[in-house]
Amino acid sequence: GFFTPGDLATAATVDTIHPLWWAAWVCDAKATVSWTADSNAGSGRSDWAPHSGKHALEWSNLVVPASRGLSAQETSTLTSSYDVSRLEPVPEGAAQVEQFDVQRSAARKTVIEGIERDAAERLKGGSIPGNRFRNVHVSALLEGLTTRRLAFPAWVLAYRFNGKLYRAVVHGQKPDVVIGTSPISWAKVALVGLGVLVAIALIAVVVRQFA
């Protein structure tokens, strides 16, 4: 990004890097989803109005993360870029393969929560009236569910810049997909701030001239 130091690629040094196959369920499901939400549709003079409804939804190849090594934000960013049709065995002897170590009841709860999270986002795309939402609650009554346990490839690395340690996760199929932390060039931040102040000053001068 613009605020990243210009010499990051050349001045940073990799501290550690290792492959990780993180665990997830891939689900095909059908469910009747009941929902309630507040939105700006039909709110009149108020900011919000209540709405509710029920819809039949289907999912194919929905990825529900079960990773302990990656955060929810990291898995969410990585998930949409995987091609689940390209299934291959995990390399023999791979050291970092996450295991499914949750009980069946806990696993089902995690899968349902993932389905309901995805349902809430899908409903915001058109089923819930309006374009601003709050207090979106969904409850899914499953009518069919099949799951597969898969391990998704990624690279986890730690790198140093000016003596400080940063973490990044690189997609295992598409290396241009990266999520992590990076340093900020405060000189660039100051430059942008100065530009904003100059723009405000110029606008003030123009307003005085035509006042």
Foldseek 3Di string as FASTA:
>chain_A
DLFFDPCCVPQKFWDDKAKAFFKKKFKWFKWKKKKKWWACPPQVPDRTDIDIDIDIDIDGRQIQGPGPVDDPVVCVLQVVPDDVVPDDDDDPPRDHYDDDPDDPVVVVVSVQVSVQVVVQVVCCVPVDDHNDIDPMDMDIDTPDMDIDMGTFMKMWTWMDHPRDIWIKIAGPVDRVRMDIDGDGNVVVVVVVVVVVVVVVVVVVVVVVVVD
